[in-house]
């Protein structure tokens, strides 16, 4: 894929994050309910069909392999912008539909790749759109993304 195509998929992701409404407190409660139902259904499939979590939950094939293969695939695709966008979009689908948290590794890699490519405005736009939804989420990696957004001047671009 050429740079234009790579950036088109990224720009579509940024637009998706910018245009998707931020969940209200009532929607957060509903998201939690959907997540419980999603996890219960996946657990039933794991028990009934003997599937691993990734298979039972419809997660990326990336997670349905040995740890050695998983690590090799992650390493081999670390600087593949389209692949990181696809993986993050998959996580967003699960987040918005079921409340299943996405791995923050993929948005982190997107920001790093853009920085390496000197795509300052795209990185800033991506970080701002990401932080619109996830500025107060989970663990250390999201904290790193928010800190990066602040450092790059992206944190000011969105309204919380």
Protein backbone atom coordinates (compact mmCIF):
# COMPACT_ATOMS: atom_id res chain seq x y z
CA UNK A 1 0.00 0.00 0.00
CA UNK A 2 1.33 3.45 -0.85
CA UNK A 3 1.54 6.35 1.61
CA UNK A 4 -1.70 7.85 0.28
CA UNK A 5 -3.61 4.62 0.96
CA UNK A 6 -2.00 4.21 4.37
CA UNK A 7 -2.92 7.71 5.37
CA UNK A 8 -6.45 7.38 3.98
CA UNK A 9 -7.15 4.46 6.34
CA UNK A 10 -5.64 6.41 9.21
CA UNK A 11 -7.63 9.53 8.33
CA UNK A 12 -10.80 7.41 8.29
CA UNK A 13 -9.92 6.10 11.75
CA UNK A 14 -9.37 9.64 13.02
CA UNK A 15 -12.71 10.72 11.56
CA UNK A 16 -14.40 7.73 13.19
CA UNK A 17 -13.03 8.72 16.60
CA UNK A 18 -13.91 12.38 16.06
CA UNK A 19 -17.47 11.64 14.89
CA UNK A 20 -18.41 8.90 17.34
CA UNK A 21 -20.15 10.42 20.35
CA UNK A 22 -18.50 10.09 23.72
CA UNK A 23 -20.46 7.77 25.97
CA UNK A 24 -22.66 9.44 28.56
CA UNK A 25 -22.78 8.00 32.10
CA UNK A 26 -26.03 6.18 31.23
CA UNK A 27 -24.41 4.75 28.10
CA UNK A 28 -21.42 3.65 30.19
CA UNK A 29 -23.80 1.64 32.39
CA UNK A 30 -25.35 0.08 29.27
CA UNK A 31 -21.88 -0.64 27.88
CA UNK A 32 -21.01 -2.45 31.11
CA UNK A 33 -24.15 -4.57 30.81
CA UNK A 34 -23.33 -5.45 27.19
CA UNK A 35 -19.79 -6.34 28.20
CA UNK A 36 -21.03 -8.73 30.88
CA UNK A 37 -23.32 -10.40 28.35
CA UNK A 38 -20.50 -10.59 25.82
CA UNK A 39 -18.14 -12.17 28.35
CA UNK A 40 -20.78 -14.64 29.51
CA UNK A 41 -21.44 -15.73 25.92
CA UNK A 42 -17.70 -16.13 25.24
CA UNK A 43 -17.26 -18.10 28.45
CA UNK A 44 -20.13 -20.43 27.48
CA UNK A 45 -18.43 -21.07 24.13
CA UNK A 46 -15.12 -21.73 25.88
CA UNK A 47 -16.74 -24.27 28.20
CA UNK A 48 -19.16 -25.85 25.74
CA UNK A 49 -16.90 -25.95 22.68
CA UNK A 50 -13.46 -26.04 24.29
CA UNK A 51 -12.36 -22.84 22.54
CA UNK A 52 -9.71 -20.41 23.66
CA UNK A 53 -10.95 -16.95 24.67
CA UNK A 54 -9.82 -15.31 21.42
CA UNK A 55 -11.68 -17.86 19.32
CA UNK A 56 -14.80 -17.82 21.52
CA UNK A 57 -14.96 -14.04 21.53
CA UNK A 58 -14.17 -13.47 17.85
CA UNK A 59 -10.94 -11.65 18.60
CA UNK A 60 -8.12 -11.19 16.10
CA UNK A 61 -6.44 -14.35 14.81
CA UNK A 62 -3.24 -12.77 16.10
CA UNK A 63 -4.22 -13.95 19.58
CA UNK A 64 -4.94 -17.55 18.57
CA UNK A 65 -1.37 -18.77 18.22
CA UNK A 66 1.58 -19.73 20.35
CA UNK A 67 3.23 -16.99 22.35
CA UNK A 68 6.37 -17.31 20.26
CA UNK A 69 4.41 -16.85 17.02
CA UNK A 70 2.42 -14.01 18.56
CA UNK A 71 5.58 -12.15 19.59
CA UNK A 72 7.16 -12.69 16.18
CA UNK A 73 4.06 -11.35 14.42
CA UNK A 74 3.92 -8.31 16.69
CA UNK A 75 7.63 -7.65 16.08
CA UNK A 76 7.28 -8.09 12.30
CA UNK A 77 4.33 -5.71 12.06
CA UNK A 78 5.46 -3.08 14.57
CA UNK A 79 6.01 -0.44 11.88
CA UNK A 80 3.16 -1.49 9.59
CA UNK A 81 0.75 1.45 9.86
CA UNK A 82 -2.17 -0.15 7.97
CA UNK A 83 -1.94 -3.28 10.12
CA UNK A 84 -1.93 -1.23 13.33
CA UNK A 85 -4.98 0.70 12.08
CA UNK A 86 -6.82 -2.54 11.22
CA UNK A 87 -6.05 -4.01 14.64
CA UNK A 88 -7.12 -0.88 16.47
CA UNK A 89 -10.32 -0.60 14.40
CA UNK A 90 -11.14 -4.18 15.38
CA UNK A 91 -10.66 -3.22 19.02
CA UNK A 92 -12.86 -0.16 18.55
CA UNK A 93 -15.60 -2.29 17.01
CA UNK A 94 -15.54 -4.46 20.13
CA UNK A 95 -15.39 -1.43 22.42
CA UNK A 96 -18.35 0.36 20.88
CA UNK A 97 -20.44 -2.80 20.41
CA UNK A 98 -19.67 -4.84 23.53
CA UNK A 99 -17.64 -2.62 25.84
CA UNK A 100 -14.65 -4.94 25.42
CA UNK A 101 -11.50 -2.90 26.08
CA UNK A 102 -9.11 -2.62 23.16
CA UNK A 103 -5.40 -3.24 23.63
CA UNK A 104 -3.76 0.21 23.82
CA UNK A 105 -0.61 -1.17 22.20
CA UNK A 106 -1.97 -0.59 18.69
CA UNK A 107 -2.87 3.10 19.11
CA UNK A 108 0.52 3.58 20.77
CA UNK A 109 2.24 2.06 17.72
CA UNK A 110 0.21 4.30 15.40
CA UNK A 111 1.48 7.38 17.24
CA UNK A 112 5.07 6.10 17.23
CA UNK A 113 4.96 5.30 13.51
CA UNK A 114 3.58 8.76 12.71
CA UNK A 115 6.29 10.37 14.84
CA UNK A 116 9.03 8.40 13.08
CA UNK A 117 7.60 9.52 9.74
CA UNK A 118 7.51 13.16 10.87
CA UNK A 119 3.73 13.26 10.36
CA UNK A 120 3.34 15.84 13.12
CA UNK A 121 -0.17 17.05 12.28
CA UNK A 122 -1.52 13.54 11.67
CA UNK A 123 -0.02 12.33 14.93
CA UNK A 124 -1.53 15.28 16.76
CA UNK A 125 -4.94 14.68 15.14
CA UNK A 126 -4.80 10.97 15.95
CA UNK A 127 -3.81 11.56 19.57
CA UNK A 128 -6.52 14.18 20.01
CA UNK A 129 -9.20 11.89 18.56
CA UNK A 130 -8.01 8.98 20.69
CA UNK A 131 -7.90 11.02 23.89
CA UNK A 132 -11.42 12.27 23.22
CA UNK A 133 -12.64 8.80 24.14
CA UNK A 134 -9.87 7.26 26.21
CA UNK A 135 -8.13 10.03 28.16
CA UNK A 136 -9.21 8.51 31.49
CA UNK A 137 -9.02 4.80 30.68
CA UNK A 138 -7.16 1.84 32.03
CA UNK A 139 -3.49 1.34 32.57
CA UNK A 140 0.04 2.48 31.97
CA UNK A 141 -0.01 2.45 28.16
CA UNK A 142 -3.05 4.73 28.01
CA UNK A 143 -1.30 7.02 30.52
CA UNK A 144 1.65 7.09 28.13
CA UNK A 145 -0.63 7.95 25.20
CA UNK A 146 -2.23 10.81 27.15
CA UNK A 147 1.20 12.09 28.21
CA UNK A 148 2.32 11.95 24.58
CA UNK A 149 -0.81 13.86 23.53
CA UNK A 150 -0.04 16.54 26.11
CA UNK A 151 3.59 16.72 24.97
CA UNK A 152 2.59 17.02 21.32
CA UNK A 153 -0.06 19.68 22.00
CA UNK A 154 -2.90 17.36 20.99
CA UNK A 155 -4.62 17.21 24.35
CA UNK A 156 -5.98 20.72 23.87
CA UNK A 157 -7.65 19.81 20.56
CA UNK A 158 -10.56 17.92 22.03
CA UNK A 159 -13.29 18.81 24.48
CA UNK A 160 -13.73 16.45 27.39
